Amino acid sequence: MDISNDTTLDARYKVSGSGTPMGPHSHLFPEEEAAHWPVIPAGSVISQTPSSGGPWKVYFYVNGHGVIAETNSKNDLVHLVPSGDAFRADVRRVVRTG
C-alpha cells in the first residue's frame, strides 16, 4: 500500500493489520505513543508492505490530531489531507495489474 502525506506538516504514522486493535477506537492518540511511530514528511509518499493480513488500519498523528483510515487491499493509496483546521484520511482504491 502507498501512504501519502498531502499536508504541509510532517506526520507520524502506524499500520496495524489483521483487525488488531490499537488503543481506544477514537481519533485521539496518546502523544507519547505516537512519538515512537515513523515520520512521513510533508508532501511525500511511502510504500508500505504489510506483514500481516488485512484489513489494515493506518493511524496518523499530525499537529496534535489523530486520524484513522481503514483499507482492505494492500494495493490501496491512503492519503492524509488537510480538512479545514484539522485533517482527514482518504482511501483510494487502486486496481493494479500484473
Protein backbone atom coordinates (compact mmCIF):
# COMPACT_ATOMS: atom_id res chain seq x y z
CA MET A 1 0.00 0.00 0.00
CA ASP A 2 1.10 3.55 -0.57
CA ILE A 3 0.70 6.20 2.11
CA SER A 4 0.71 9.85 1.16
CA ASN A 5 1.08 12.89 3.40
CA ASP A 6 -0.63 15.60 1.38
CA THR A 7 -0.24 18.21 4.13
CA THR A 8 2.37 20.89 4.75
CA LEU A 9 3.36 19.27 8.07
CA ASP A 10 5.39 16.17 8.88
CA ALA A 11 3.20 13.42 10.35
CA ARG A 12 3.74 10.19 12.22
CA TYR A 13 2.03 7.00 11.08
CA LYS A 14 1.45 3.40 12.03
CA VAL A 15 -0.08 0.49 10.09
CA SER A 16 -1.89 -2.20 12.06
CA GLY A 17 -3.30 -5.32 10.42
CA SER A 18 -5.46 -8.38 10.94
CA GLY A 19 -8.06 -6.33 12.74
CA THR A 20 -5.56 -5.80 15.58
CA PRO A 21 -6.92 -3.12 17.86
CA MET A 22 -4.65 -0.33 18.93
CA GLY A 23 -5.74 1.57 21.98
CA PRO A 24 -9.10 3.29 22.04
CA HIS A 25 -11.16 3.31 18.88
CA SER A 26 -11.20 7.08 18.67
CA HIS A 27 -9.22 9.64 16.78
CA LEU A 28 -7.29 10.63 19.91
CA PHE A 29 -3.91 9.04 20.46
CA PRO A 30 -1.58 9.46 23.38
CA GLU A 31 1.15 11.77 22.10
CA GLU A 32 3.80 9.71 23.89
CA GLU A 33 2.79 6.59 21.91
CA ALA A 34 2.71 8.38 18.56
CA ALA A 35 6.13 9.88 19.29
CA HIS A 36 7.64 6.43 18.58
CA TRP A 37 5.98 5.99 15.19
CA PRO A 38 7.93 6.61 11.95
CA VAL A 39 7.67 10.03 10.31
CA ILE A 40 6.24 10.62 6.88
CA PRO A 41 7.49 14.02 5.71
CA ALA A 42 5.11 16.66 4.40
CA GLY A 43 4.30 16.18 0.71
CA SER A 44 5.80 12.70 0.47
CA VAL A 45 4.59 9.23 -0.45
CA ILE A 46 5.92 6.00 1.01
CA SER A 47 5.28 2.37 0.13
CA GLN A 48 4.37 0.04 2.98
CA THR A 49 4.27 -3.74 2.66
CA PRO A 50 2.02 -5.02 5.44
CA SER A 51 3.46 -8.11 7.11
CA SER A 52 0.09 -9.29 8.41
CA GLY A 53 -3.25 -9.93 6.79
CA GLY A 54 -5.87 -7.23 6.34
CA PRO A 55 -7.93 -5.34 6.84
CA TRP A 56 -5.44 -2.69 7.89
CA LYS A 57 -5.81 0.48 9.86
CA VAL A 58 -3.49 3.36 9.08
CA TYR A 59 -3.07 5.73 12.01
CA PHE A 60 -1.77 9.25 11.54
CA TYR A 61 -0.72 11.77 14.17
CA VAL A 62 -0.13 15.32 12.95
CA ASN A 63 -0.12 18.66 14.76
CA GLY A 64 -1.84 17.19 17.82
CA HIS A 65 -4.56 15.47 15.76
CA GLY A 66 -5.12 11.73 15.32
CA VAL A 67 -6.69 10.32 12.16
CA ILE A 68 -7.57 6.71 11.24
CA ALA A 69 -8.17 5.15 7.83
CA GLU A 70 -9.11 1.54 7.16
CA THR A 71 -8.32 -0.36 3.99
CA ASN A 72 -8.96 -3.91 2.82
CA SER A 73 -6.45 -4.01 -0.04
CA LYS A 74 -2.69 -3.76 0.09
CA ASN A 75 -2.93 -2.01 -3.29
CA ASP A 76 -4.81 0.99 -1.91
CA LEU A 77 -3.45 4.51 -1.62
CA VAL A 78 -4.08 6.17 1.76
CA HIS A 79 -3.89 9.99 1.75
CA LEU A 80 -3.57 12.25 4.78
CA VAL A 81 -5.13 15.55 3.71
CA PRO A 82 -5.96 18.87 5.34
CA SER A 83 -9.63 19.43 6.16
CA GLY A 84 -10.38 22.91 7.43
CA ASP A 85 -8.50 23.35 10.70
CA ALA A 86 -7.96 19.58 11.06
CA PHE A 87 -7.07 16.57 8.92
CA ARG A 88 -8.74 13.53 7.38
CA ALA A 89 -7.60 10.36 5.64
CA ASP A 90 -8.93 9.26 2.26
CA VAL A 91 -8.52 5.76 0.87
CA ARG A 92 -8.34 5.46 -2.89
CA ARG A 93 -8.88 2.03 -4.36
CA VAL A 94 -6.17 1.20 -6.87
CA VAL A 95 -6.53 -1.57 -9.42
CA ARG A 96 -3.11 -2.86 -10.36
CA THR A 97 -2.41 -5.49 -12.94
CA GLY A 98 0.47 -7.68 -13.38
